[in-house]
Amino acid sequence: MCSRAIGCWLLLLALLAGTAQAQTTAQVTTIAGAFAGHVDGDNLVSQLNTPYGVAYDEQGNLYIADYGNNALRVLNVGSEVLVTLLPRSGEVNPLAGPVDVALDGMGNVYIANQTTGTIVRYNLESRVSVNVGQGYNNPVAVEVAEGSNIYVAEADGYIRRVGQTVPVYTWRPGGQRFSGMAFLGDNRFAVSDAGLHVVWVFNGGVRPVAVAGLQGSPGFANGAIGTSRLNGPHHIAVAPGGGFVFADRLNHRVRFI
């Protein structure tokens, strides 16, 4: 399965090894983009516009949901050149407000479009894009799980599998606003909730378990379950070696569980 990250703020994920020593020696660097715009080319002179979700493939190429440009971009690991994959010249753009990307390890990239509520599959070999899901209400994240099942998180409290009408998980206690999702295996998902300031783990039960933050209580504090505090957590990704990292947006930090 390809490594996942969602949110350009999490590009330092590859530097995180899950140990205190690694966290104290990690360095944040810019690997793509210079100013707001839409320019392909060398990574440090290229331009992006409000990038959201990102995902690495097995070769280390980085795919980017370029929200402001309604584009799918890729940073090639060998040449360090940023290239636009979608839209293609002379074709209708299938993207509208792309917020997240996921790869299935078989040459397909899946893009969640927030504006149109659709999931688009783009094949890297044929360069053909196909709408594989529609009718989603404010999708914020897309994941590819075992068996190439595609899952979508909607902001208003649903996790859905593409092709199924009934949600896989529903959690609507009031005030929720899902903002990111990571697949943990065995039908388990970690979901960041910017509305209630928690990170949930859905593990097959009726109710998810809060593994970070206190429901409805924004703030900042490290510590165990029940004592930690978050403020508007957003995109989330599985970290090397276990656990996961997420962007604690209103605390201006990247946090690790």
Protein backbone atom coordinates (compact mmCIF):
# COMPACT_ATOMS: atom_id res chain seq x y z
CA MET A 1 0.00 0.00 0.00
CA CYS A 2 1.33 3.43 -0.87
CA SER A 3 2.30 5.80 1.91
CA ARG A 4 -0.31 8.46 2.62
CA ALA A 5 -0.31 12.04 3.70
CA ILE A 6 -3.02 14.62 3.50
CA GLY A 7 -2.16 18.26 3.75
CA CYS A 8 0.95 19.97 2.48
CA TRP A 9 1.86 20.78 6.08
CA LEU A 10 2.60 17.06 6.56
CA LEU A 11 5.43 16.87 4.05
CA LEU A 12 7.82 16.36 6.94
CA LEU A 13 6.11 13.02 7.56
CA ALA A 14 8.95 11.15 5.90
CA LEU A 15 11.28 12.55 8.54
CA LEU A 16 9.24 11.35 11.47
CA ALA A 17 10.40 7.96 12.76
CA GLY A 18 8.31 7.89 15.93
CA THR A 19 11.18 8.48 18.36
CA ALA A 20 12.01 11.54 20.40
CA GLN A 21 15.45 11.70 18.82
CA ALA A 22 14.03 11.75 15.30
CA GLN A 23 11.55 14.46 16.22
CA THR A 24 14.23 16.73 17.67
CA THR A 25 16.54 16.39 14.63
CA ALA A 26 13.91 16.63 11.87
CA GLN A 27 14.09 19.66 9.59
CA VAL A 28 11.22 21.29 7.68
CA THR A 29 12.13 22.12 4.05
CA THR A 30 10.21 23.27 0.98
CA ILE A 31 10.04 20.67 -1.77
CA ALA A 32 7.51 22.26 -4.15
CA GLY A 33 6.05 25.68 -4.80
CA ALA A 34 7.26 29.25 -4.54
CA PHE A 35 4.24 31.55 -4.84
CA ALA A 36 0.51 31.19 -5.44
CA GLY A 37 -0.08 30.38 -9.10
CA HIS A 38 -0.06 27.55 -11.62
CA VAL A 39 3.40 26.95 -13.05
CA ASP A 40 5.03 23.61 -13.80
CA GLY A 41 8.78 23.08 -13.75
CA ASP A 42 11.62 22.90 -11.26
CA ASN A 43 10.27 22.24 -7.78
CA LEU A 44 11.47 25.50 -6.23
CA VAL A 45 10.23 27.80 -9.01
CA SER A 46 6.98 25.95 -9.64
CA GLN A 47 3.72 27.37 -8.32
CA LEU A 48 0.74 25.86 -6.50
CA ASN A 49 -2.48 27.47 -5.35
CA THR A 50 -3.91 26.34 -2.00
CA PRO A 51 -2.67 22.73 -2.08
CA TYR A 52 -4.65 20.32 0.11
CA GLY A 53 -4.19 16.54 0.11
CA VAL A 54 -0.96 14.79 -0.90
CA ALA A 55 0.07 11.15 -1.34
CA TYR A 56 3.30 9.35 -2.19
CA ASP A 57 3.51 6.38 -4.54
CA GLU A 58 5.89 3.48 -4.02
CA GLN A 59 8.59 5.16 -6.11
CA GLY A 60 8.48 8.31 -4.00
CA ASN A 61 6.62 10.55 -6.46
CA LEU A 62 4.35 13.02 -4.67
CA TYR A 63 0.78 13.60 -5.91
CA ILE A 64 -0.91 16.85 -4.91
CA ALA A 65 -4.56 17.98 -4.89
CA ASP A 66 -4.08 21.58 -6.04
CA TYR A 67 -7.38 23.02 -4.82
CA GLY A 68 -7.01 26.58 -6.07
CA ASN A 69 -5.99 25.46 -9.55
CA ASN A 70 -8.53 22.62 -9.82
CA ALA A 71 -5.61 20.41 -10.74
CA LEU A 72 -3.84 17.15 -10.01
CA ARG A 73 -0.08 17.72 -9.85
CA VAL A 74 2.85 15.35 -9.38
CA LEU A 75 6.37 16.06 -8.14
CA ASN A 76 8.68 13.55 -9.81
CA VAL A 77 11.20 12.15 -7.36
CA GLY A 78 14.03 11.78 -9.86
CA SER A 79 13.87 15.08 -11.71
CA GLU A 80 12.30 17.14 -8.91
CA VAL A 81 10.02 18.68 -11.52
CA LEU A 82 6.37 19.53 -10.81
CA VAL A 83 3.98 18.44 -13.59
CA THR A 84 0.23 18.92 -14.10
CA LEU A 85 -1.61 15.63 -14.80
CA LEU A 86 -5.14 17.06 -14.79
CA PRO A 87 -6.64 19.00 -16.46
CA ARG A 88 -5.28 17.90 -19.84
CA SER A 89 -5.06 20.41 -22.66
CA GLY A 90 -8.15 20.43 -24.85
CA GLU A 91 -10.24 18.29 -22.49
CA VAL A 92 -12.99 19.16 -20.03
CA ASN A 93 -11.54 19.40 -16.53
CA PRO A 94 -13.04 16.65 -14.31
CA LEU A 95 -11.78 18.35 -11.15
CA ALA A 96 -13.58 21.00 -9.09
CA GLY A 97 -12.23 21.84 -5.67
CA PRO A 98 -9.93 18.79 -5.25
CA VAL A 99 -9.20 18.30 -1.55
CA ASP A 100 -7.56 14.89 -1.27
CA VAL A 101 -5.78 12.18 -3.26
CA ALA A 102 -5.15 8.47 -2.74
CA LEU A 103 -3.36 5.76 -4.74
CA ASP A 104 -4.22 2.09 -5.09
CA GLY A 105 -0.78 0.71 -6.03
CA MET A 106 -2.10 -0.33 -9.46
CA GLY A 107 -1.52 2.89 -11.33
CA ASN A 108 -4.68 4.72 -10.31
CA VAL A 109 -5.00 8.04 -8.48
CA TYR A 110 -8.31 8.87 -6.76
CA ILE A 111 -9.25 12.52 -6.24
CA ALA A 112 -12.01 13.81 -3.95
CA ASN A 113 -13.73 16.89 -5.36
CA GLN A 114 -15.37 19.05 -2.72
CA THR A 115 -17.23 21.39 -5.06
CA THR A 116 -18.99 18.71 -7.14
CA GLY A 117 -19.10 15.96 -4.49
CA THR A 118 -17.43 13.46 -6.83
CA ILE A 119 -14.58 10.96 -6.76
CA VAL A 120 -12.46 10.85 -9.92
CA ARG A 121 -10.10 8.00 -10.84
CA TYR A 122 -7.12 8.91 -13.04
CA ASN A 123 -5.05 6.13 -14.62
CA LEU A 124 -1.38 7.03 -14.90
CA GLU A 125 -0.74 4.78 -17.92
CA SER A 126 -3.77 5.50 -20.10
CA ARG A 127 -4.13 9.08 -18.79
CA VAL A 128 -7.88 8.57 -18.76
CA SER A 129 -10.02 10.00 -15.95
CA VAL A 130 -13.33 8.46 -14.90
CA ASN A 131 -15.96 9.59 -12.40
CA VAL A 132 -16.32 6.61 -10.02
CA GLY A 133 -18.50 8.19 -7.33
CA GLN A 134 -20.89 11.09 -7.02
CA GLY A 135 -23.48 12.62 -4.74
CA TYR A 136 -21.16 13.07 -1.77
CA ASN A 137 -21.88 15.94 0.58
CA ASN A 138 -18.75 17.98 1.22
CA PRO A 139 -16.18 15.17 0.91
CA VAL A 140 -12.97 15.95 2.81
CA ALA A 141 -10.87 12.78 2.43
CA VAL A 142 -10.51 9.69 0.27
CA GLU A 143 -8.71 6.43 1.13
CA VAL A 144 -8.03 3.16 -0.72
CA ALA A 145 -8.21 0.14 1.59
CA GLU A 146 -7.88 -3.63 1.23
CA GLY A 147 -9.38 -5.09 -1.91
CA SER A 148 -9.21 -1.68 -3.61
CA ASN A 149 -12.26 -0.50 -1.69
CA ILE A 150 -12.54 3.28 -1.83
CA TYR A 151 -13.72 5.16 1.25
CA VAL A 152 -14.84 8.77 1.50
CA ALA A 153 -15.18 10.92 4.63
CA GLU A 154 -17.87 13.59 4.52
CA ALA A 155 -17.63 16.64 6.73
CA ASP A 156 -21.04 16.18 8.32
CA GLY A 157 -20.18 12.88 10.03
CA TYR A 158 -20.21 10.00 7.56
CA ILE A 159 -17.67 7.50 6.25
CA ARG A 160 -18.89 5.90 3.03
CA ARG A 161 -17.61 3.22 0.68
CA VAL A 162 -17.86 4.07 -3.00
CA GLY A 163 -20.61 1.98 -4.59
CA GLN A 164 -22.63 1.54 -1.38
CA THR A 165 -25.64 3.61 -0.36
CA VAL A 166 -25.54 2.90 3.39
CA PRO A 167 -22.67 4.60 5.26
CA VAL A 168 -19.98 2.38 6.80
CA TYR A 169 -19.92 4.65 9.86
CA THR A 170 -22.17 7.47 11.01
CA TRP A 171 -21.27 9.78 13.89
CA ARG A 172 -23.35 12.91 14.35
CA PRO A 173 -23.44 13.97 18.01
CA GLY A 174 -23.85 17.60 16.97
CA GLY A 175 -21.17 20.10 16.07
CA GLN A 176 -19.03 17.53 14.30
CA ARG A 177 -17.01 18.49 11.21
CA PHE A 178 -14.87 15.71 9.86
CA SER A 179 -11.72 17.12 8.31
CA GLY A 180 -9.39 14.20 7.58
CA MET A 181 -9.23 10.40 7.49
CA ALA A 182 -6.58 7.67 7.59
CA PHE A 183 -7.19 3.94 7.05
CA LEU A 184 -5.72 1.84 9.88
CA GLY A 185 -6.55 -1.64 8.55
CA ASP A 186 -9.26 -4.17 9.47
CA ASN A 187 -12.08 -1.71 8.74
CA ARG A 188 -10.62 0.78 11.23
CA PHE A 189 -10.27 4.50 10.51
CA ALA A 190 -8.76 7.48 12.29
CA VAL A 191 -10.78 10.63 11.66
CA SER A 192 -9.91 14.19 12.65
CA ASP A 193 -12.87 16.30 13.74
CA ALA A 194 -12.29 20.04 13.46
CA GLY A 195 -15.74 20.84 14.84
CA LEU A 196 -15.41 18.91 18.11
CA HIS A 197 -11.60 19.22 18.39
CA VAL A 198 -10.87 15.50 18.70
CA VAL A 199 -9.39 12.59 16.77
CA TRP A 200 -11.72 9.59 16.61
CA VAL A 201 -10.94 5.96 15.90
CA PHE A 202 -13.74 3.95 14.31
CA ASN A 203 -13.12 0.26 14.98
CA GLY A 204 -16.37 -1.50 14.16
CA GLY A 205 -18.46 -0.36 17.10
CA VAL A 206 -21.48 1.93 17.10
CA ARG A 207 -19.52 4.71 18.79
CA PRO A 208 -15.99 5.80 17.88
CA VAL A 209 -13.30 6.22 20.53
CA ALA A 210 -11.69 9.61 21.10
CA VAL A 211 -7.93 9.02 21.16
CA ALA A 212 -6.90 12.68 21.38
CA GLY A 213 -8.60 15.83 22.60
CA LEU A 214 -11.75 16.38 24.65
CA GLN A 215 -15.04 16.64 22.78
CA GLY A 216 -16.13 20.26 22.42
CA SER A 217 -13.13 21.64 24.37
CA PRO A 218 -10.56 23.35 22.15
CA GLY A 219 -7.14 24.09 23.57
CA PHE A 220 -3.57 22.90 23.59
CA ALA A 221 -2.13 20.21 25.84
CA ASN A 222 -0.04 17.11 25.29
CA GLY A 223 -0.68 13.98 27.31
CA ALA A 224 -2.80 10.87 27.54
CA ILE A 225 -6.37 10.29 26.36
CA GLY A 226 -8.65 12.61 28.30
CA THR A 227 -5.96 15.15 29.14
CA SER A 228 -4.72 16.20 25.70
CA ARG A 229 -6.37 19.15 23.96
CA LEU A 230 -6.61 20.01 20.25
CA ASN A 231 -7.86 23.01 18.31
CA GLY A 232 -9.34 22.40 14.88
CA PRO A 233 -7.42 19.23 13.87
CA HIS A 234 -7.38 18.63 10.13
CA HIS A 235 -5.58 16.27 7.75
CA ILE A 236 -4.27 13.06 9.25
CA ALA A 237 -1.90 10.31 8.07
CA VAL A 238 -0.46 7.01 9.29
CA ALA A 239 3.14 7.50 10.44
CA PRO A 240 6.08 5.17 9.76
CA GLY A 241 6.40 2.61 12.51
CA GLY A 242 2.82 2.99 13.73
CA GLY A 243 0.66 5.75 15.17
CA PHE A 244 -0.41 8.72 13.12
CA VAL A 245 0.25 12.41 12.68
CA PHE A 246 -2.23 15.21 12.06
CA ALA A 247 -2.27 18.93 11.42
CA ASP A 248 -3.59 20.71 14.53
CA ARG A 249 -4.57 23.68 12.44
CA LEU A 250 -5.58 26.36 14.94
CA ASN A 251 -2.72 25.43 17.26
CA HIS A 252 -0.32 25.81 14.30
CA ARG A 253 1.30 22.47 15.05
CA VAL A 254 1.74 18.98 13.67
CA ARG A 255 0.91 16.44 16.40
CA PHE A 256 1.73 12.73 16.79
CA ILE A 257 -0.30 9.97 18.47
